[in-house]
Amino acid sequence: MSALGDAEFLRLLKEDIDYFTSAVERFEDLIPRVCSSVQDQWRLQAQTRRNFAVELEILLDKAEHCVGASVNTGKNKNNNNNDRSDSASY
């Protein structure tokens, strides 16, 4: 994946996390307003959505780590190539 693609993926993932987090908060705010027979189901739905948001955050952490590692690997390759070209010019 290109650096531009990585950045776009991370940006979209962050937006998704923000969306699901705020959706859960709105959903939980509505629970007391529905009839008691539905509240348990709504609580389960809120928990499921909260779990999904946590899974997205884990995915984001892993993706950022992966992107960071690939950037560092690319820098090391460039530095090694620069070192070779410097030594070859002597």
N, C-alpha and C. Protein backbone atom coordinates (compact mmCIF):
# COMPACT_ATOMS: atom_id res chain seq x y z
N MET A 1 0.85 -1.17 0.00
CA MET A 1 0.00 0.00 0.00
C MET A 1 0.89 1.24 0.00
N SER A 2 0.52 2.22 -0.72
CA SER A 2 1.30 3.45 -0.79
C SER A 2 1.11 4.27 0.47
N ALA A 3 2.01 5.20 0.67
CA ALA A 3 1.91 6.08 1.83
C ALA A 3 0.61 6.88 1.80
N LEU A 4 0.20 7.29 0.60
CA LEU A 4 -1.06 8.03 0.46
C LEU A 4 -2.24 7.13 0.82
N GLY A 5 -2.20 5.89 0.36
CA GLY A 5 -3.26 4.94 0.69
C GLY A 5 -3.30 4.64 2.17
N ASP A 6 -2.13 4.50 2.79
CA ASP A 6 -2.05 4.28 4.24
C ASP A 6 -2.68 5.44 5.00
N ALA A 7 -2.34 6.65 4.60
CA ALA A 7 -2.86 7.83 5.29
C ALA A 7 -4.38 7.91 5.14
N GLU A 8 -4.88 7.60 3.96
CA GLU A 8 -6.33 7.64 3.73
C GLU A 8 -7.03 6.57 4.56
N PHE A 9 -6.46 5.38 4.61
CA PHE A 9 -7.04 4.30 5.41
C PHE A 9 -7.10 4.70 6.88
N LEU A 10 -6.02 5.24 7.41
CA LEU A 10 -5.99 5.65 8.81
C LEU A 10 -6.98 6.77 9.08
N ARG A 11 -7.09 7.71 8.15
CA ARG A 11 -8.04 8.82 8.33
C ARG A 11 -9.48 8.30 8.38
N LEU A 12 -9.82 7.39 7.46
CA LEU A 12 -11.17 6.83 7.43
C LEU A 12 -11.46 5.99 8.67
N LEU A 13 -10.46 5.25 9.10
CA LEU A 13 -10.63 4.43 10.29
C LEU A 13 -10.88 5.29 11.52
N LYS A 14 -10.15 6.38 11.65
CA LYS A 14 -10.36 7.31 12.77
C LYS A 14 -11.76 7.91 12.72
N GLU A 15 -12.23 8.25 11.53
CA GLU A 15 -13.59 8.79 11.39
C GLU A 15 -14.62 7.74 11.80
N ASP A 16 -14.40 6.49 11.41
CA ASP A 16 -15.33 5.42 11.79
C ASP A 16 -15.38 5.25 13.31
N ILE A 17 -14.23 5.29 13.94
CA ILE A 17 -14.18 5.15 15.40
C ILE A 17 -14.93 6.28 16.06
N ASP A 18 -14.72 7.51 15.60
CA ASP A 18 -15.43 8.66 16.16
C ASP A 18 -16.94 8.50 15.96
N TYR A 19 -17.34 8.05 14.77
CA TYR A 19 -18.76 7.88 14.47
C TYR A 19 -19.39 6.84 15.40
N PHE A 20 -18.76 5.66 15.52
CA PHE A 20 -19.34 4.62 16.35
C PHE A 20 -19.35 4.99 17.82
N THR A 21 -18.33 5.69 18.28
CA THR A 21 -18.28 6.12 19.67
C THR A 21 -19.42 7.09 19.97
N SER A 22 -19.62 8.06 19.10
CA SER A 22 -20.71 9.01 19.33
C SER A 22 -22.08 8.35 19.14
N ALA A 23 -22.17 7.39 18.22
CA ALA A 23 -23.44 6.68 18.01
C ALA A 23 -23.81 5.89 19.27
N VAL A 24 -22.85 5.26 19.89
CA VAL A 24 -23.11 4.50 21.12
C VAL A 24 -23.59 5.45 22.21
N GLU A 25 -22.93 6.60 22.33
CA GLU A 25 -23.34 7.56 23.35
C GLU A 25 -24.78 8.03 23.11
N ARG A 26 -25.12 8.33 21.86
CA ARG A 26 -26.51 8.74 21.55
C ARG A 26 -27.48 7.61 21.85
N PHE A 27 -27.10 6.42 21.48
CA PHE A 27 -27.94 5.24 21.69
C PHE A 27 -28.20 5.03 23.18
N GLU A 28 -27.12 5.14 23.99
CA GLU A 28 -27.27 4.96 25.44
C GLU A 28 -28.12 6.06 26.06
N ASP A 29 -28.06 7.25 25.52
CA ASP A 29 -28.90 8.35 26.02
C ASP A 29 -30.38 8.07 25.79
N LEU A 30 -30.68 7.32 24.74
CA LEU A 30 -32.08 7.03 24.41
C LEU A 30 -32.66 5.86 25.21
N ILE A 31 -31.82 5.03 25.77
CA ILE A 31 -32.30 3.83 26.46
C ILE A 31 -33.36 4.14 27.52
N PRO A 32 -33.13 5.13 28.40
CA PRO A 32 -34.16 5.39 29.43
C PRO A 32 -35.49 5.88 28.84
N ARG A 33 -35.48 6.33 27.62
CA ARG A 33 -36.70 6.89 27.02
C ARG A 33 -37.60 5.84 26.38
N VAL A 34 -37.09 4.63 26.20
CA VAL A 34 -37.91 3.59 25.58
C VAL A 34 -38.57 2.75 26.67
N CYS A 35 -39.59 2.01 26.29
CA CYS A 35 -40.30 1.21 27.29
C CYS A 35 -39.38 0.14 27.88
N SER A 36 -39.65 -0.25 29.09
CA SER A 36 -38.75 -1.14 29.83
C SER A 36 -38.58 -2.49 29.14
N SER A 37 -39.58 -2.95 28.40
CA SER A 37 -39.45 -4.25 27.73
C SER A 37 -38.41 -4.22 26.60
N VAL A 38 -38.10 -3.03 26.10
CA VAL A 38 -37.14 -2.89 25.00
C VAL A 38 -35.75 -2.52 25.51
N GLN A 39 -35.66 -2.00 26.72
CA GLN A 39 -34.40 -1.49 27.24
C GLN A 39 -33.28 -2.53 27.26
N ASP A 40 -33.61 -3.76 27.66
CA ASP A 40 -32.56 -4.79 27.70
C ASP A 40 -31.98 -5.04 26.31
N GLN A 41 -32.84 -5.10 25.32
CA GLN A 41 -32.36 -5.30 23.95
C GLN A 41 -31.50 -4.11 23.50
N TRP A 42 -31.90 -2.91 23.84
CA TRP A 42 -31.13 -1.73 23.48
C TRP A 42 -29.78 -1.72 24.19
N ARG A 43 -29.75 -2.16 25.44
CA ARG A 43 -28.47 -2.24 26.16
C ARG A 43 -27.53 -3.23 25.47
N LEU A 44 -28.08 -4.36 25.03
CA LEU A 44 -27.26 -5.33 24.30
C LEU A 44 -26.73 -4.73 23.00
N GLN A 45 -27.57 -4.00 22.30
CA GLN A 45 -27.14 -3.34 21.07
C GLN A 45 -26.05 -2.31 21.35
N ALA A 46 -26.21 -1.55 22.42
CA ALA A 46 -25.21 -0.55 22.78
C ALA A 46 -23.89 -1.24 23.10
N GLN A 47 -23.94 -2.36 23.82
CA GLN A 47 -22.71 -3.08 24.16
C GLN A 47 -22.05 -3.64 22.90
N THR A 48 -22.83 -4.15 21.98
CA THR A 48 -22.29 -4.67 20.73
C THR A 48 -21.61 -3.56 19.94
N ARG A 49 -22.23 -2.41 19.86
CA ARG A 49 -21.63 -1.28 19.15
C ARG A 49 -20.38 -0.76 19.85
N ARG A 50 -20.40 -0.76 21.18
CA ARG A 50 -19.22 -0.33 21.93
C ARG A 50 -18.06 -1.30 21.67
N ASN A 51 -18.36 -2.60 21.65
CA ASN A 51 -17.33 -3.59 21.36
C ASN A 51 -16.75 -3.40 19.96
N PHE A 52 -17.61 -3.08 19.01
CA PHE A 52 -17.14 -2.85 17.65
C PHE A 52 -16.22 -1.63 17.59
N ALA A 53 -16.58 -0.59 18.30
CA ALA A 53 -15.72 0.61 18.34
C ALA A 53 -14.36 0.28 18.96
N VAL A 54 -14.35 -0.57 19.98
CA VAL A 54 -13.08 -0.98 20.59
C VAL A 54 -12.26 -1.80 19.60
N GLU A 55 -12.92 -2.68 18.85
CA GLU A 55 -12.21 -3.46 17.84
C GLU A 55 -11.62 -2.57 16.76
N LEU A 56 -12.33 -1.52 16.39
CA LEU A 56 -11.79 -0.56 15.42
C LEU A 56 -10.57 0.16 15.98
N GLU A 57 -10.61 0.50 17.27
CA GLU A 57 -9.46 1.15 17.90
C GLU A 57 -8.25 0.23 17.91
N ILE A 58 -8.47 -1.05 18.16
CA ILE A 58 -7.37 -2.03 18.12
C ILE A 58 -6.81 -2.12 16.71
N LEU A 59 -7.70 -2.16 15.73
CA LEU A 59 -7.27 -2.20 14.34
C LEU A 59 -6.46 -0.95 13.99
N LEU A 60 -6.90 0.20 14.46
CA LEU A 60 -6.18 1.46 14.22
C LEU A 60 -4.78 1.41 14.82
N ASP A 61 -4.68 0.93 16.06
CA ASP A 61 -3.36 0.82 16.70
C ASP A 61 -2.44 -0.08 15.89
N LYS A 62 -2.96 -1.22 15.45
CA LYS A 62 -2.14 -2.15 14.67
C LYS A 62 -1.76 -1.53 13.32
N ALA A 63 -2.70 -0.84 12.70
CA ALA A 63 -2.42 -0.22 11.40
C ALA A 63 -1.38 0.88 11.54
N GLU A 64 -1.50 1.70 12.59
CA GLU A 64 -0.51 2.76 12.81
C GLU A 64 0.87 2.15 13.08
N HIS A 65 0.90 1.07 13.83
CA HIS A 65 2.18 0.40 14.10
C HIS A 65 2.77 -0.16 12.81
N CYS A 66 1.93 -0.76 12.00
CA CYS A 66 2.38 -1.34 10.74
C CYS A 66 2.89 -0.25 9.79
N VAL A 67 2.16 0.84 9.69
CA VAL A 67 2.57 1.95 8.83
C VAL A 67 3.87 2.55 9.34
N GLY A 68 3.97 2.72 10.65
CA GLY A 68 5.19 3.26 11.24
C GLY A 68 6.39 2.35 10.98
N ALA A 69 6.17 1.04 11.07
CA ALA A 69 7.25 0.09 10.83
C ALA A 69 7.68 0.12 9.37
N SER A 70 6.71 0.24 8.45
CA SER A 70 7.07 0.27 7.03
C SER A 70 7.79 1.56 6.67
N VAL A 71 7.43 2.66 7.33
CA VAL A 71 8.12 3.93 7.09
C VAL A 71 9.55 3.83 7.58
N ASN A 72 9.74 3.25 8.77
CA ASN A 72 11.09 3.09 9.32
C ASN A 72 11.92 2.14 8.46
N THR A 73 11.32 1.08 7.95
CA THR A 73 12.02 0.15 7.08
C THR A 73 12.45 0.85 5.80
N GLY A 74 11.57 1.67 5.24
CA GLY A 74 11.89 2.42 4.04
C GLY A 74 13.02 3.40 4.28
N LYS A 75 13.04 4.05 5.45
CA LYS A 75 14.11 4.99 5.78
C LYS A 75 15.43 4.25 5.91
N ASN A 76 15.38 3.07 6.55
CA ASN A 76 16.61 2.29 6.71
C ASN A 76 17.16 1.85 5.36
N LYS A 77 16.29 1.45 4.44
CA LYS A 77 16.73 1.06 3.11
C LYS A 77 17.36 2.24 2.39
N ASN A 78 16.75 3.41 2.51
CA ASN A 78 17.30 4.61 1.87
C ASN A 78 18.65 4.97 2.48
N ASN A 79 18.75 4.86 3.80
CA ASN A 79 20.03 5.16 4.46
C ASN A 79 21.10 4.17 4.03
N ASN A 80 20.74 2.90 3.90
CA ASN A 80 21.71 1.89 3.46
C ASN A 80 22.14 2.17 2.03
N ASN A 81 21.22 2.56 1.17
CA ASN A 81 21.56 2.88 -0.21
C ASN A 81 22.45 4.11 -0.26
N ASN A 82 22.17 5.09 0.58
CA ASN A 82 23.00 6.29 0.63
C ASN A 82 24.39 5.96 1.13
N ASP A 83 24.48 5.06 2.12
CA ASP A 83 25.77 4.67 2.65
C ASP A 83 26.61 3.98 1.56
N ARG A 84 25.98 3.12 0.77
CA ARG A 84 26.69 2.42 -0.29
C ARG A 84 27.16 3.39 -1.35
N SER A 85 26.31 4.34 -1.69
CA SER A 85 26.70 5.28 -2.75
C SER A 85 27.82 6.21 -2.26
N ASP A 86 27.77 6.55 -0.95
CA ASP A 86 28.83 7.38 -0.39
C ASP A 86 30.16 6.64 -0.40
N SER A 87 30.11 5.36 -0.01
CA SER A 87 31.37 4.61 0.04
C SER A 87 31.89 4.31 -1.35
N ALA A 88 30.99 4.18 -2.32
CA ALA A 88 31.43 3.90 -3.69
C ALA A 88 32.08 5.12 -4.31
N SER A 89 31.77 6.30 -3.86
CA SER A 89 32.33 7.49 -4.46
C SER A 89 33.74 7.78 -3.95
N TYR A 90 34.13 7.11 -2.88
CA TYR A 90 35.47 7.35 -2.36
C TYR A 90 36.45 6.68 -3.21
